[in-house]
């Protein structure tokens, strides 16, 4: 065993297989979102590093093939395990294990650039500080679902409404009369209430 691969000098050996581990992880987790993929790759590297060091301490670096080390580490991450012993909780909605097991989807909540279809109502939801968290979550889900039942043009008009644009501004933007804008306000309000079951 060389000094680089001895129990106290294993770093060089691990660095030599690091590119292969990263490539394996990127391929293994290629279907994840960019942020989750980056986290999974780093978790894989960390797990591989710990395992490589343990093999060095046991004098078993003869079995530390890059593909074997990388695959074991990637499986470690897939099971929701983390370096340090913590494992993702099956009931934690932020846990990939929970999301996969129960079909939970977690979406990033950031306001979109001005002018997109649903940027306004999300900001209003954020500012509704007197609303309880369950009510706020329900509103976000229901409102997004309702918007999907409308045409793209209607969604854009609603976005203009919730941004606080005046009737004349909305009329000019969409080439309709101020009277028609007022009609649409009442129409959308009524349809939203019907969707929620508040109106016949």
Protein backbone atom coordinates (compact mmCIF):
# COMPACT_ATOMS: atom_id res chain seq x y z
CA UNK A 1 0.00 0.00 0.00
CA UNK A 2 1.42 3.37 -0.98
CA UNK A 3 1.57 6.28 1.41
CA UNK A 4 -1.20 8.02 -0.55
CA UNK A 5 -3.46 5.03 -0.01
CA UNK A 6 -2.52 4.28 3.58
CA UNK A 7 -5.05 4.70 6.39
CA UNK A 8 -3.50 8.10 7.18
CA UNK A 9 -2.87 9.22 3.59
CA UNK A 10 -5.93 8.18 1.66
CA UNK A 11 -6.75 11.68 0.34
CA UNK A 12 -4.81 11.39 -2.91
CA UNK A 13 -6.48 8.10 -3.69
CA UNK A 14 -9.93 9.56 -3.17
CA UNK A 15 -9.14 12.65 -5.24
CA UNK A 16 -8.07 10.38 -8.10
CA UNK A 17 -11.53 8.78 -8.28
CA UNK A 18 -13.51 11.93 -7.42
CA UNK A 19 -14.26 12.90 -11.07
CA UNK A 20 -15.70 9.43 -11.71
CA UNK A 21 -17.89 9.70 -8.58
CA UNK A 22 -19.22 13.11 -9.60
CA UNK A 23 -19.97 11.90 -13.13
CA UNK A 24 -21.78 8.83 -11.79
CA UNK A 25 -23.87 10.98 -9.44
CA UNK A 26 -24.78 13.49 -12.15
CA UNK A 27 -26.01 10.67 -14.38
CA UNK A 28 -27.79 8.91 -11.53
CA UNK A 29 -29.68 12.04 -10.44
CA UNK A 30 -30.09 13.67 -13.86
CA UNK A 31 -33.89 13.68 -13.63
CA UNK A 32 -33.98 15.80 -10.47
CA UNK A 33 -34.39 19.56 -10.52
CA UNK A 34 -31.16 21.54 -10.79
CA UNK A 35 -31.05 22.42 -7.09
CA UNK A 36 -31.92 18.93 -5.87
CA UNK A 37 -29.46 17.40 -8.33
CA UNK A 38 -26.62 19.56 -7.01
CA UNK A 39 -27.48 18.59 -3.44
CA UNK A 40 -27.63 14.90 -4.36
CA UNK A 41 -24.25 15.05 -6.12
CA UNK A 42 -22.61 16.70 -3.10
CA UNK A 43 -24.25 14.19 -0.75
CA UNK A 44 -22.90 11.40 -2.93
CA UNK A 45 -19.37 12.84 -2.85
CA UNK A 46 -19.53 13.17 0.94
CA UNK A 47 -20.78 9.61 1.40
CA UNK A 48 -18.15 8.28 -1.01
CA UNK A 49 -15.43 10.13 0.87
CA UNK A 50 -16.48 8.66 4.22
CA UNK A 51 -16.73 5.15 2.77
CA UNK A 52 -13.34 5.44 1.03
CA UNK A 53 -11.73 6.50 4.29
CA UNK A 54 -13.30 3.54 6.12
CA UNK A 55 -11.99 1.16 3.47
CA UNK A 56 -8.54 2.69 3.85
CA UNK A 57 -8.68 2.22 7.62
CA UNK A 58 -9.60 -1.45 7.13
CA UNK A 59 -6.94 -1.99 4.50
CA UNK A 60 -9.58 -2.78 1.86
CA UNK A 61 -8.76 -0.20 -0.81
CA UNK A 62 -8.25 -3.06 -3.24
CA UNK A 63 -12.06 -3.15 -3.57
CA UNK A 64 -12.45 0.61 -3.79
CA UNK A 65 -13.18 0.73 -7.51
CA UNK A 66 -14.60 4.11 -8.61
CA UNK A 67 -17.85 2.61 -9.94
CA UNK A 68 -18.39 0.56 -6.79
CA UNK A 69 -17.72 3.44 -4.41
CA UNK A 70 -19.87 5.81 -6.47
CA UNK A 71 -22.79 3.38 -6.78
CA UNK A 72 -22.79 2.60 -3.05
CA UNK A 73 -22.73 6.30 -2.18
CA UNK A 74 -25.52 7.11 -4.65
CA UNK A 75 -27.69 4.37 -3.16
CA UNK A 76 -26.97 5.85 0.26
CA UNK A 77 -28.33 9.20 -0.94
CA UNK A 78 -31.32 7.66 -2.72
CA UNK A 79 -32.41 6.10 0.57
CA UNK A 80 -32.43 9.56 2.16
CA UNK A 81 -29.41 8.96 4.35
CA UNK A 82 -26.94 11.73 5.12
CA UNK A 83 -23.35 11.76 6.26
CA UNK A 84 -23.51 11.99 10.04
CA UNK A 85 -26.27 9.44 10.49
CA UNK A 86 -29.42 11.51 9.93
CA UNK A 87 -32.02 10.05 7.61
CA UNK A 88 -34.89 11.82 5.90
CA UNK A 89 -38.15 11.39 7.77
CA UNK A 90 -40.90 9.63 5.86
CA UNK A 91 -43.45 12.13 7.22
CA UNK A 92 -41.46 15.29 6.42
CA UNK A 93 -42.91 16.86 3.25
CA UNK A 94 -39.49 18.31 2.42
CA UNK A 95 -37.99 14.84 2.44
CA UNK A 96 -37.48 13.21 -0.99
CA UNK A 97 -38.44 9.92 0.64
CA UNK A 98 -41.81 11.35 1.72
CA UNK A 99 -42.36 13.00 -1.65
CA UNK A 100 -41.73 9.77 -3.53
CA UNK A 101 -43.63 7.52 -1.12
CA UNK A 102 -46.73 9.71 -0.79
CA UNK A 103 -46.71 11.52 -4.12
CA UNK A 104 -46.03 14.89 -2.50
CA UNK A 105 -44.90 17.74 -4.73
CA UNK A 106 -43.08 20.75 -3.28
CA UNK A 107 -42.94 23.85 -5.48
CA UNK A 108 -40.60 26.78 -5.12
CA UNK A 109 -42.48 29.90 -4.04
CA UNK A 110 -40.92 32.94 -5.69
CA UNK A 111 -42.65 35.79 -7.42
CA UNK A 112 -42.27 35.59 -11.16
CA UNK A 113 -41.04 38.51 -13.25
CA UNK A 114 -43.59 41.27 -13.68
CA UNK A 115 -46.06 40.59 -16.45
CA UNK A 116 -46.32 36.83 -16.06
CA UNK A 117 -49.71 35.28 -15.58
CA UNK A 118 -49.75 34.54 -11.87
CA UNK A 119 -47.29 36.96 -10.32
CA UNK A 120 -49.84 39.22 -8.65
CA UNK A 121 -52.01 36.87 -6.63
CA UNK A 122 -48.98 35.16 -5.10
CA UNK A 123 -47.69 38.46 -3.78
CA UNK A 124 -51.11 39.22 -2.32
CA UNK A 125 -51.07 35.81 -0.64
CA UNK A 126 -47.71 36.61 0.93
CA UNK A 127 -48.97 39.91 2.25
CA UNK A 128 -52.09 38.41 3.84
CA UNK A 129 -50.41 38.15 7.24
CA UNK A 130 -53.66 37.73 9.18
CA UNK A 131 -54.50 34.56 7.30
CA UNK A 132 -53.49 31.29 8.94
CA UNK A 133 -50.86 29.14 7.24
CA UNK A 134 -53.34 26.34 6.34
CA UNK A 135 -55.75 28.89 4.84
CA UNK A 136 -52.94 30.53 2.92
CA UNK A 137 -51.74 27.19 1.57
CA UNK A 138 -55.28 26.26 0.55
CA UNK A 139 -55.71 29.60 -1.20
CA UNK A 140 -52.52 29.18 -3.21
CA UNK A 141 -53.50 25.70 -4.32
CA UNK A 142 -57.14 26.54 -5.11
CA UNK A 143 -56.37 29.80 -6.89
CA UNK A 144 -53.70 28.20 -9.06
CA UNK A 145 -56.13 25.39 -9.93
CA UNK A 146 -58.86 27.88 -10.79
CA UNK A 147 -56.52 29.89 -13.01
CA UNK A 148 -55.77 26.75 -15.02
CA UNK A 149 -59.46 26.58 -15.99
CA UNK A 150 -59.26 30.01 -17.66
CA UNK A 151 -57.82 31.17 -20.94
CA UNK A 152 -54.37 32.66 -21.09
CA UNK A 153 -55.83 36.09 -21.86
CA UNK A 154 -58.15 35.91 -18.84
CA UNK A 155 -55.23 34.95 -16.60
CA UNK A 156 -53.28 37.96 -17.82
CA UNK A 157 -56.23 40.26 -17.13
CA UNK A 158 -56.58 38.84 -13.62
CA UNK A 159 -52.86 39.35 -13.05
CA UNK A 160 -53.33 43.01 -14.03
CA UNK A 161 -56.23 43.31 -11.58
CA UNK A 162 -54.33 41.91 -8.64
CA UNK A 163 -51.32 44.10 -9.41
CA UNK A 164 -53.65 47.01 -8.73
CA UNK A 165 -53.78 48.42 -12.24
CA UNK A 166 -56.56 50.93 -12.78
CA UNK A 167 -59.54 50.23 -15.03
CA UNK A 168 -58.27 52.58 -17.72
CA UNK A 169 -54.83 50.95 -17.68
CA UNK A 170 -56.32 47.47 -18.08
CA UNK A 171 -58.60 48.71 -20.86
CA UNK A 172 -55.67 50.21 -22.78
CA UNK A 173 -53.45 47.18 -22.23
CA UNK A 174 -55.99 44.68 -23.58
CA UNK A 175 -57.82 46.87 -26.08
CA UNK A 176 -61.22 46.73 -24.40
CA UNK A 177 -63.57 49.36 -23.03
CA UNK A 178 -63.54 50.46 -19.39
CA UNK A 179 -67.09 49.14 -19.12
CA UNK A 180 -65.93 45.71 -20.27
CA UNK A 181 -63.14 45.79 -17.66
CA UNK A 182 -65.73 46.38 -14.93
CA UNK A 183 -67.83 43.50 -16.29
CA UNK A 184 -64.79 41.22 -16.21
CA UNK A 185 -64.02 42.14 -12.62
CA UNK A 186 -67.53 41.08 -11.57
CA UNK A 187 -67.40 38.01 -13.82
CA UNK A 188 -64.10 36.74 -12.43
CA UNK A 189 -65.16 37.42 -8.84
CA UNK A 190 -68.37 35.46 -9.39
CA UNK A 191 -66.55 32.54 -11.07
CA UNK A 192 -64.02 32.41 -8.26
CA UNK A 193 -66.80 32.24 -5.67
CA UNK A 194 -68.55 29.52 -7.64
CA UNK A 195 -65.29 27.59 -7.84
CA UNK A 196 -65.01 27.80 -4.06
CA UNK A 197 -68.64 26.83 -3.59
CA UNK A 198 -69.58 30.21 -2.11
CA UNK A 199 -72.09 31.13 -4.82
CA UNK A 200 -74.65 29.30 -6.87
